[in-house]
Protein backbone atom coordinates (compact mmCIF):
# COMPACT_ATOMS: atom_id res chain seq x y z
CA UNK A 1 177.93 -66.43 79.85
CA UNK A 2 179.26 -66.86 76.10
CA UNK A 3 176.36 -68.24 73.51
CA UNK A 4 177.14 -71.17 71.32
CA UNK A 5 177.98 -69.31 67.79
CA UNK A 6 180.46 -67.38 69.94
CA UNK A 7 182.03 -70.53 70.61
CA UNK A 8 182.21 -71.15 67.29
CA UNK A 9 184.03 -68.25 66.09
CA UNK A 10 187.04 -68.89 69.18
CA UNK A 11 190.36 -69.79 68.44
CA UNK A 12 191.72 -73.40 70.10
CA UNK A 13 193.73 -71.13 72.39
CA UNK A 14 190.48 -68.74 73.32
CA UNK A 15 188.61 -72.01 74.25
CA UNK A 16 191.44 -72.97 76.35
CA UNK A 17 191.61 -70.23 78.47
CA UNK A 18 187.82 -70.05 79.05
CA UNK A 19 188.10 -73.69 80.32
CA UNK A 20 191.18 -73.13 82.52
CA UNK A 21 188.80 -69.80 83.86
CA UNK A 22 185.75 -72.00 84.33
CA UNK A 23 188.09 -74.39 86.53
CA UNK A 24 190.03 -72.05 88.69
CA UNK A 25 186.31 -70.73 89.65
CA UNK A 26 184.87 -74.28 90.33
CA UNK A 27 187.79 -74.61 92.30
CA UNK A 28 187.91 -71.47 94.34
CA UNK A 29 183.90 -72.33 95.42
CA UNK A 30 185.02 -75.18 96.58
CA UNK A 31 188.21 -74.23 98.55
CA UNK A 32 186.18 -71.61 100.17
CA UNK A 33 183.61 -73.75 101.35
CA UNK A 34 186.51 -76.78 102.63
CA UNK A 35 187.89 -73.52 104.23
CA UNK A 36 184.85 -72.52 106.12
CA UNK A 37 184.18 -75.59 107.62
CA UNK A 38 187.83 -75.99 108.51
CA UNK A 39 187.66 -72.78 110.35
CA UNK A 40 183.66 -73.92 111.70
CA UNK A 41 185.64 -77.29 113.29
CA UNK A 42 188.59 -75.23 115.20
CA UNK A 43 186.20 -72.61 116.48
CA UNK A 44 183.80 -74.91 117.74
CA UNK A 45 186.32 -77.12 119.39
CA UNK A 46 185.57 -77.19 122.89
CA UNK A 47 189.07 -76.86 122.98
CA UNK A 48 189.27 -73.61 121.62
CA UNK A 49 186.38 -71.96 123.62
CA UNK A 50 187.18 -70.09 127.01
CA UNK A 51 185.64 -71.30 129.84
CA UNK A 52 185.63 -69.77 133.77
CA UNK A 53 185.58 -71.85 137.05
CA UNK A 54 183.93 -70.11 140.04
CA UNK A 55 185.80 -72.18 142.82
CA UNK A 56 184.82 -71.81 147.02
CA UNK A 57 187.83 -71.80 149.13
CA UNK A 58 188.21 -73.13 152.50
CA UNK A 59 190.05 -70.10 153.94
CA UNK A 60 192.75 -72.38 155.50
CA UNK A 61 193.63 -73.53 151.73
CA UNK A 62 193.39 -70.10 150.53
CA UNK A 63 197.02 -69.04 150.36
CA UNK A 64 197.69 -72.02 149.21
CA UNK A 65 195.35 -72.18 146.16
CA UNK A 66 196.61 -68.77 145.16
CA UNK A 67 199.44 -70.45 144.03
CA UNK A 68 197.96 -73.32 142.40
CA UNK A 69 196.04 -70.98 140.49
CA UNK A 70 199.41 -69.82 138.75
CA UNK A 71 200.64 -73.11 137.95
CA UNK A 72 196.94 -74.11 136.69
CA UNK A 73 196.51 -70.99 134.73
CA UNK A 74 200.23 -71.94 133.04
CA UNK A 75 198.67 -75.65 132.22
CA UNK A 76 195.27 -74.41 131.06
CA UNK A 77 195.68 -70.96 130.02
CA UNK A 78 192.28 -70.98 128.50
CA UNK A 79 190.36 -71.87 131.64
CA UNK A 80 190.04 -68.82 133.80
CA UNK A 81 189.96 -69.31 137.51
CA UNK A 82 188.17 -67.32 140.34
CA UNK A 83 188.64 -67.85 143.90
CA UNK A 84 186.35 -66.93 146.78
CA UNK A 85 187.74 -67.41 150.21
CA UNK A 86 185.66 -68.15 153.14
CA UNK A 87 184.63 -70.28 155.86
CA UNK A 88 183.65 -73.89 154.85
CA UNK A 89 180.03 -73.51 156.86
CA UNK A 90 179.51 -70.00 155.13
CA UNK A 91 180.23 -71.27 151.80
CA UNK A 92 178.22 -74.07 152.30
CA UNK A 93 175.19 -72.26 152.84
CA UNK A 94 175.68 -69.70 149.44
CA UNK A 95 175.70 -72.79 147.56
CA UNK A 96 172.58 -73.76 149.31
CA UNK A 97 171.26 -70.62 148.81
CA UNK A 98 171.72 -71.03 144.95
CA UNK A 99 174.81 -69.13 144.76
CA UNK A 100 176.29 -70.73 141.50
CA UNK A 101 180.11 -72.15 142.00
CA UNK A 102 181.72 -74.73 140.13
CA UNK A 103 183.87 -76.19 142.79
CA UNK A 104 183.71 -76.36 146.37
CA UNK A 105 187.27 -76.71 148.22
CA UNK A 106 186.01 -77.43 151.38
CA UNK A 107 187.69 -78.14 155.19
CA UNK A 108 185.96 -80.95 156.17
CA UNK A 109 184.22 -84.21 154.77
CA UNK A 110 181.01 -83.41 155.91
CA UNK A 111 179.74 -80.29 154.03
CA UNK A 112 180.81 -82.01 150.36
CA UNK A 113 179.04 -85.36 151.38
CA UNK A 114 175.97 -83.27 152.33
CA UNK A 115 176.32 -81.36 148.77
CA UNK A 116 176.22 -85.12 147.52
CA UNK A 117 173.37 -85.91 149.10
CA UNK A 118 170.99 -83.65 148.76
CA UNK A 119 171.45 -83.74 144.81
CA UNK A 120 173.61 -80.65 144.75
CA UNK A 121 176.95 -82.04 143.92
CA UNK A 122 177.86 -84.05 140.37
CA UNK A 123 177.86 -87.77 141.46
CA UNK A 124 181.17 -89.28 142.28
CA UNK A 125 182.84 -86.08 142.31
CA UNK A 126 183.75 -86.11 145.65
CA UNK A 127 187.27 -86.91 146.73
CA UNK A 128 189.69 -85.98 149.38
CA UNK A 129 192.35 -83.47 148.33
CA UNK A 130 194.67 -83.04 151.13
CA UNK A 131 194.68 -83.79 155.32
CA UNK A 132 194.63 -80.74 156.93
CA UNK A 133 197.03 -80.60 160.58
CA UNK A 134 196.62 -77.75 163.60
CA UNK A 135 199.03 -75.74 164.60
CA UNK A 136 199.72 -73.88 167.53
CA UNK A 137 201.00 -70.40 167.68
CA UNK A 138 202.67 -68.93 170.38
CA UNK A 139 204.42 -65.55 169.84
CA UNK A 140 205.14 -63.67 173.57
CA UNK A 141 207.47 -60.85 172.72
CA UNK A 142 210.90 -62.36 173.26
CA UNK A 143 210.37 -65.85 173.09
CA UNK A 144 212.41 -67.75 175.14
CA UNK A 145 210.90 -71.39 175.22
CA UNK A 146 211.22 -72.93 172.21
CA UNK A 147 208.07 -75.76 171.55
CA UNK A 148 208.09 -75.25 167.83
CA UNK A 149 212.23 -76.17 166.90
CA UNK A 150 211.25 -75.69 162.99
CA UNK A 151 208.54 -75.95 160.70
CA UNK A 152 207.00 -79.38 159.95
CA UNK A 153 208.46 -81.03 162.71
CA UNK A 154 205.64 -82.41 165.46
CA UNK A 155 206.90 -81.02 168.56
CA UNK A 156 203.89 -80.67 170.92
CA UNK A 157 201.41 -83.15 172.20
CA UNK A 158 198.45 -82.64 173.52
CA UNK A 159 199.58 -82.66 176.98
CA UNK A 160 202.47 -80.06 176.64
CA UNK A 161 199.95 -77.92 174.94
CA UNK A 162 197.34 -77.60 177.56
CA UNK A 163 200.43 -77.50 180.13
CA UNK A 164 202.14 -74.50 178.16
CA UNK A 165 198.84 -72.46 178.24
CA UNK A 166 197.97 -73.01 181.30
CA UNK A 167 201.15 -71.76 182.34
CA UNK A 168 201.05 -68.61 180.72
CA UNK A 169 197.22 -67.68 181.29
CA UNK A 170 197.33 -65.99 177.81
CA UNK A 171 194.19 -65.64 175.17
CA UNK A 172 193.44 -68.10 172.64
CA UNK A 173 192.41 -66.99 169.04
CA UNK A 174 190.53 -70.20 167.13
CA UNK A 175 188.34 -69.96 164.28
CA UNK A 176 184.37 -70.24 164.65
CA UNK A 177 183.53 -73.72 165.69
CA UNK A 178 180.07 -73.33 164.49
CA UNK A 179 181.77 -72.29 160.70
CA UNK A 180 185.00 -73.94 160.78
CA UNK A 181 185.52 -77.35 160.54
CA UNK A 182 189.31 -76.22 162.08
CA UNK A 183 187.88 -74.26 164.67
CA UNK A 184 185.75 -77.47 165.89
CA UNK A 185 188.83 -79.42 166.21
CA UNK A 186 190.51 -76.71 167.81
CA UNK A 187 187.28 -76.92 170.30
CA UNK A 188 187.95 -80.26 170.62
CA UNK A 189 191.46 -79.70 171.11
CA UNK A 190 191.13 -77.65 174.10
CA UNK A 191 188.57 -80.03 175.64
CA UNK A 192 190.48 -82.73 175.41
CA UNK A 193 193.86 -80.39 177.14
CA UNK A 194 191.05 -80.07 179.98
CA UNK A 195 190.96 -76.14 179.15
CA UNK A 196 188.13 -74.97 176.98
CA UNK A 197 185.80 -74.54 179.71
CA UNK A 198 188.26 -72.38 182.45
CA UNK A 199 189.45 -70.66 179.40
CA UNK A 200 186.15 -69.94 178.19
CA UNK A 201 184.64 -69.04 181.28
CA UNK A 202 187.56 -66.37 182.00
CA UNK A 203 186.78 -65.20 178.48
CA UNK A 204 190.28 -66.49 177.40
CA UNK A 205 189.08 -67.98 174.25
CA UNK A 206 188.39 -65.32 171.47
CA UNK A 207 186.44 -66.37 168.33
CA UNK A 208 187.09 -65.23 164.57
CA UNK A 209 185.00 -65.56 162.02
CA UNK A 210 187.49 -68.05 160.11
CA UNK A 211 190.94 -69.51 160.41
CA UNK A 212 192.19 -66.89 157.91
CA UNK A 213 190.66 -64.29 159.82
CA UNK A 214 192.53 -65.73 163.12
CA UNK A 215 196.03 -65.56 161.37
CA UNK A 216 195.38 -62.15 160.01
CA UNK A 217 194.34 -60.59 163.34
CA UNK A 218 197.76 -62.17 164.79
CA UNK A 219 199.92 -60.99 162.46
CA UNK A 220 200.96 -57.57 163.96
CA UNK A 221 200.28 -59.25 167.31
CA UNK A 222 203.95 -59.58 169.86
CA UNK A 223 201.75 -61.47 172.60
CA UNK A 224 199.26 -63.81 170.97
CA UNK A 225 198.12 -67.74 171.42
CA UNK A 226 196.31 -69.10 168.78
CA UNK A 227 195.13 -72.56 167.10
CA UNK A 228 194.57 -72.34 163.40
CA UNK A 229 195.38 -74.28 159.96
CA UNK A 230 199.35 -75.85 159.44
CA UNK A 231 199.22 -74.29 156.48
CA UNK A 232 198.47 -70.62 157.29
CA UNK A 233 201.85 -70.80 159.05
CA UNK A 234 204.01 -73.11 157.40
CA UNK A 235 206.64 -73.02 154.70
CA UNK A 236 209.53 -74.87 153.37
CA UNK A 237 213.01 -73.37 152.77
CA UNK A 238 212.31 -73.06 149.47
CA UNK A 239 208.99 -72.15 149.53
CA UNK A 240 208.54 -69.12 146.86
CA UNK A 241 205.36 -67.88 148.80
CA UNK A 242 207.43 -64.84 150.49
CA UNK A 243 208.45 -63.20 147.25
CA UNK A 244 205.31 -64.37 144.79
CA UNK A 245 202.19 -64.77 146.82
CA UNK A 246 198.92 -62.77 145.58
CA UNK A 247 198.26 -62.18 149.18
CA UNK A 248 200.17 -60.38 152.08
CA UNK A 249 201.77 -63.30 154.19
CA UNK A 250 204.43 -62.79 156.50
CA UNK A 251 204.91 -65.93 158.15
CA UNK A 252 205.94 -66.03 162.01
CA UNK A 253 209.31 -67.36 163.18
CA UNK A 254 210.42 -70.85 163.49
CA UNK A 255 210.45 -70.40 167.15
CA UNK A 256 206.86 -69.09 167.58
CA UNK A 257 205.34 -72.11 165.87
CA UNK A 258 204.48 -75.71 166.74
CA UNK A 259 203.04 -78.53 164.81
CA UNK A 260 200.68 -80.68 167.09
CA UNK A 261 202.25 -84.32 167.16
CA UNK A 262 199.64 -86.20 164.70
CA UNK A 263 197.75 -88.45 164.82
CA UNK A 264 193.74 -88.79 163.33
CA UNK A 265 192.16 -86.55 166.08
CA UNK A 266 194.34 -83.52 164.79
CA UNK A 267 194.31 -84.53 161.52
CA UNK A 268 190.96 -83.30 158.98
CA UNK A 269 190.10 -85.10 156.25
CA UNK A 270 189.71 -81.95 153.37
CA UNK A 271 186.98 -82.69 150.25
CA UNK A 272 186.39 -81.56 146.61
CA UNK A 273 183.46 -81.66 144.63
CA UNK A 274 182.29 -80.80 141.98
CA UNK A 275 178.62 -78.48 142.07
CA UNK A 276 175.86 -79.41 139.73
CA UNK A 277 174.81 -75.92 139.17
CA UNK A 278 178.33 -76.02 137.16
CA UNK A 279 178.35 -74.51 133.33
CA UNK A 280 181.83 -75.67 132.90
CA UNK A 281 182.06 -79.12 134.47
CA UNK A 282 184.29 -79.86 132.21
CA UNK A 283 187.14 -77.54 132.80
CA UNK A 284 185.99 -78.26 136.94
CA UNK A 285 187.34 -82.29 135.89
CA UNK A 286 190.53 -80.81 134.28
CA UNK A 287 190.94 -78.95 137.78
CA UNK A 288 190.03 -81.46 140.29
CA UNK A 289 192.51 -83.93 137.70
CA UNK A 290 194.89 -80.97 138.68
CA UNK A 291 194.63 -81.31 141.94
CA UNK A 292 195.38 -84.71 142.32
CA UNK A 293 198.13 -84.54 140.28
CA UNK A 294 201.53 -85.65 141.89
CA UNK A 295 202.96 -82.56 141.04
CA UNK A 296 200.12 -80.45 143.04
CA UNK A 297 200.22 -83.36 145.56
CA UNK A 298 203.86 -82.52 146.35
CA UNK A 299 203.29 -79.12 146.60
CA UNK A 300 200.03 -79.56 148.84
CA UNK A 301 202.56 -81.75 151.12
CA UNK A 302 205.23 -79.30 151.24
CA UNK A 303 202.41 -76.36 152.89
CA UNK A 304 201.24 -77.53 156.03
CA UNK A 305 199.36 -80.63 154.83
CA UNK A 306 199.47 -84.66 154.49
CA UNK A 307 199.19 -85.31 150.51
CA UNK A 308 195.64 -87.21 149.74
CA UNK A 309 196.28 -90.67 149.27
CA UNK A 310 195.94 -91.74 145.76
CA UNK A 311 194.66 -95.38 146.75
CA UNK A 312 191.84 -93.40 148.68
CA UNK A 313 191.49 -91.02 146.50
CA UNK A 314 191.57 -92.90 142.55
CA UNK A 315 191.68 -90.71 139.43
CA UNK A 316 188.68 -91.90 137.08
CA UNK A 317 188.97 -92.24 133.71
CA UNK A 318 186.49 -89.14 132.94
CA UNK A 319 188.20 -86.78 134.51
CA UNK A 320 191.43 -88.46 132.27
CA UNK A 321 189.86 -87.38 129.44
CA UNK A 322 189.23 -84.11 130.78
CA UNK A 323 192.78 -83.25 131.56
CA UNK A 324 194.08 -83.97 127.58
CA UNK A 325 191.05 -82.25 126.43
CA UNK A 326 191.86 -78.93 128.34
CA UNK A 327 195.75 -79.03 127.09
CA UNK A 328 195.88 -76.03 124.57
CA UNK A 329 198.19 -77.53 122.81
CA UNK A 330 195.47 -80.14 122.12
CA UNK A 331 194.02 -77.38 119.53
CA UNK A 332 196.50 -78.07 117.35
CA UNK A 333 195.61 -81.82 116.95
CA UNK A 334 191.96 -80.16 116.06
CA UNK A 335 193.54 -78.03 113.42
CA UNK A 336 195.15 -81.18 112.12
CA UNK A 337 192.10 -82.75 111.71
CA UNK A 338 190.41 -79.69 110.19
CA UNK A 339 193.07 -79.80 107.51
CA UNK A 340 192.53 -83.14 106.61
CA UNK A 341 189.25 -83.20 106.53
CA UNK A 342 189.76 -79.92 103.96
CA UNK A 343 192.38 -81.64 102.30
CA UNK A 344 190.51 -84.60 101.33
CA UNK A 345 187.26 -82.18 100.43
CA UNK A 346 190.03 -80.65 97.85
CA UNK A 347 191.66 -83.92 96.58
CA UNK A 348 192.41 -83.14 92.91
CA UNK A 349 191.02 -79.48 92.74
CA UNK A 350 193.97 -77.36 93.84
CA UNK A 351 195.14 -76.58 90.74
CA UNK A 352 195.79 -72.99 91.07
């Protein structure tokens, strides 16, 4: 630091150079502080932080969920999603036992409602995401009888189902009624057709752990009857699942599957819920909003389900806000805001 006697000996030019150097050093310190502040805002912004979601998925919805996961990742690359497949009752027991999940996509409404009652679910997060449909898979080697002219046509009634199974006297595979809502619905359907007790007495009802197990064990059989979710045997002509599916899922021929004639008895309300143990509530709300978006609902409706009714499942403002906050491009907003703050701090000082 120059002394007073040194300053008196300076020429006018030397004094001007000293003043400019001093100003630059002071400005540099201010710019460094404001830049650090801007970076802190960006890095600490919720948008910039990565979230992870662990989602419990009923096995009937798993193939569809795998495809939706790809679409969700494109919209929200900052949220990592892990899907855990299982029967709804098994997943429910794991949640009640303390295993941490963020979202539960159940095959029914009972399990999510129970989680809500016992304070395991986030209040007001329970919503319908789809209505499931039952299908009758009937593979008989060289198929001669067509009870399923094409996927998506409601071609068989309860009576027709009963008559067809009674005529061919073949084993019928169903999901476990104790663990799977689709298994319970299949059991009820066979009872309504007057077949459950005769088939059960002769050992012709074969029970698998989950709906997906029913499908997996039926794929390579040439002669098999099965009652299972339509989503596991259903696709539209423009469906890309054959080429891009993350799981091996060869769909049956059109004449090997029939959809049950639709009524409330055959449909299952499938609900999702955000769990209280979630460490990523905002990301979970973003996923829930994605599930109810028009594009997602249209995709679900083309894959063996009826889409949820928006009148019955209104979007809430909290979820809508979360949806915007999780969009990757929202990070640009944080950056612009930070830059504006930095400019305000630096106003009038950036001279070099």
